[in-house]
Amino acid sequence: MPKIIARNTFVLLALGFTLSVTDLSAQSRADEPSVGGSSQKTGKTRSYKKARVLQPSTAKKIVKIVEALERQKTVRVPDPLNEGQFIEKEEDDPDFVEANSS
């Protein structure tokens, strides 16, 4: 009989705790600013950073990196440690010059 009472008490407490917590959101809709950028609460506005365009020097560096990656060719070579297995290795692509000249 005491086991049944203890079990029923545990079940009632567990249900009570789970049903008492109804709003688990960390941020409610009232805390968010409205679409226009102002909020009902004073002093709360959302600010965005301006999108930046790459500087020409940075863009040139990225182009060099991309071209260097395009010059690489992935080939499968036999693995020296595991017989019958292959690994992927990157080598300079000999056809890169021909492909860019045409």
Protein backbone atom coordinates (compact mmCIF):
# COMPACT_ATOMS: atom_id res chain seq x y z
CA MET A 1 0.00 0.00 0.00
CA PRO A 2 2.76 2.54 0.77
CA LYS A 3 4.35 1.74 -2.62
CA ILE A 4 1.11 2.61 -4.41
CA ILE A 5 0.76 5.89 -2.48
CA ALA A 6 4.38 6.81 -3.19
CA ARG A 7 4.00 5.97 -6.89
CA ASN A 8 0.75 7.97 -7.17
CA THR A 9 2.33 10.93 -5.38
CA PHE A 10 5.34 10.80 -7.72
CA VAL A 11 3.12 10.66 -10.79
CA LEU A 12 1.00 13.57 -9.57
CA LEU A 13 4.08 15.70 -8.81
CA ALA A 14 5.65 14.88 -12.17
CA LEU A 15 2.46 15.79 -14.02
CA GLY A 16 2.09 18.92 -11.93
CA PHE A 17 5.59 20.14 -12.79
CA THR A 18 5.30 19.36 -16.49
CA LEU A 19 1.90 20.99 -16.87
CA SER A 20 2.75 24.06 -14.78
CA VAL A 21 5.50 25.15 -17.18
CA THR A 22 3.60 26.30 -20.24
CA ASP A 23 5.94 28.94 -21.74
CA LEU A 24 9.47 27.68 -22.32
CA SER A 25 10.54 30.22 -24.94
CA ALA A 26 13.69 32.10 -24.07
CA GLN A 27 12.48 35.24 -25.79
CA SER A 28 8.84 36.10 -26.15
CA ARG A 29 7.34 37.93 -29.10
CA ALA A 30 6.80 41.02 -26.93
CA ASP A 31 10.57 41.44 -26.52
CA GLU A 32 11.25 41.55 -30.27
CA PRO A 33 11.21 44.90 -32.00
CA SER A 34 8.53 45.50 -34.56
CA VAL A 35 9.13 45.37 -38.30
CA GLY A 36 9.71 49.13 -38.56
CA GLY A 37 12.72 48.94 -36.25
CA SER A 38 11.15 50.50 -33.18
CA SER A 39 9.82 48.59 -30.22
CA GLN A 40 7.03 49.06 -27.73
CA LYS A 41 9.71 49.05 -25.04
CA THR A 42 11.75 52.21 -24.95
CA GLY A 43 15.40 51.99 -25.83
CA LYS A 44 15.16 48.67 -27.68
CA THR A 45 15.98 48.95 -31.36
CA ARG A 46 17.54 46.44 -33.69
CA SER A 47 20.62 47.62 -35.52
CA TYR A 48 22.20 45.92 -38.49
CA LYS A 49 25.74 46.19 -39.78
CA LYS A 50 26.16 47.43 -43.32
CA ALA A 51 27.15 44.83 -45.87
CA ARG A 52 30.70 45.40 -47.03
CA VAL A 53 32.11 44.93 -50.49
CA LEU A 54 35.52 43.30 -50.85
CA GLN A 55 38.41 45.65 -51.41
CA PRO A 56 40.08 45.19 -54.81
CA SER A 57 43.30 43.91 -53.20
CA THR A 58 41.38 41.30 -51.20
CA ALA A 59 39.43 40.22 -54.27
CA LYS A 60 42.70 39.75 -56.19
CA LYS A 61 44.09 37.56 -53.39
CA ILE A 62 40.97 35.39 -53.43
CA VAL A 63 41.20 35.02 -57.22
CA LYS A 64 44.81 33.84 -56.87
CA ILE A 65 43.81 31.26 -54.24
CA VAL A 66 40.91 29.96 -56.34
CA GLU A 67 43.13 29.68 -59.41
CA ALA A 68 45.75 27.79 -57.39
CA LEU A 69 43.08 25.37 -56.20
CA GLU A 70 41.85 24.89 -59.76
CA ARG A 71 45.37 23.96 -60.85
CA GLN A 72 45.29 21.01 -58.46
CA LYS A 73 44.15 17.66 -59.76
CA THR A 74 42.99 14.89 -57.43
CA VAL A 75 44.33 11.48 -58.40
CA ARG A 76 43.98 8.07 -56.77
CA VAL A 77 47.28 6.39 -55.97
CA PRO A 78 47.99 3.09 -54.22
CA ASP A 79 48.33 3.44 -50.46
CA PRO A 80 51.85 2.41 -49.39
CA LEU A 81 50.62 1.37 -45.92
CA ASN A 82 47.59 -0.70 -46.95
CA GLU A 83 47.97 -3.11 -49.85
CA GLY A 84 45.07 -2.98 -52.30
CA GLN A 85 43.77 0.35 -50.93
CA PHE A 86 43.87 3.70 -52.72
CA ILE A 87 44.25 7.21 -51.33
CA GLU A 88 43.48 10.55 -52.95
CA LYS A 89 46.44 12.79 -53.63
CA GLU A 90 46.55 16.28 -55.12
CA GLU A 91 49.01 17.03 -57.90
CA ASP A 92 49.51 19.92 -60.27
CA ASP A 93 47.26 19.47 -63.28
CA PRO A 94 49.39 19.39 -66.46
CA ASP A 95 46.30 20.12 -68.60
CA PHE A 96 45.56 23.39 -66.76
CA VAL A 97 47.72 25.52 -69.04
CA GLU A 98 46.15 24.01 -72.17
CA ALA A 99 42.64 24.45 -70.80
CA ASN A 100 43.19 28.15 -70.01
CA SER A 101 44.93 28.98 -73.29
CA SER A 102 42.04 27.86 -75.48
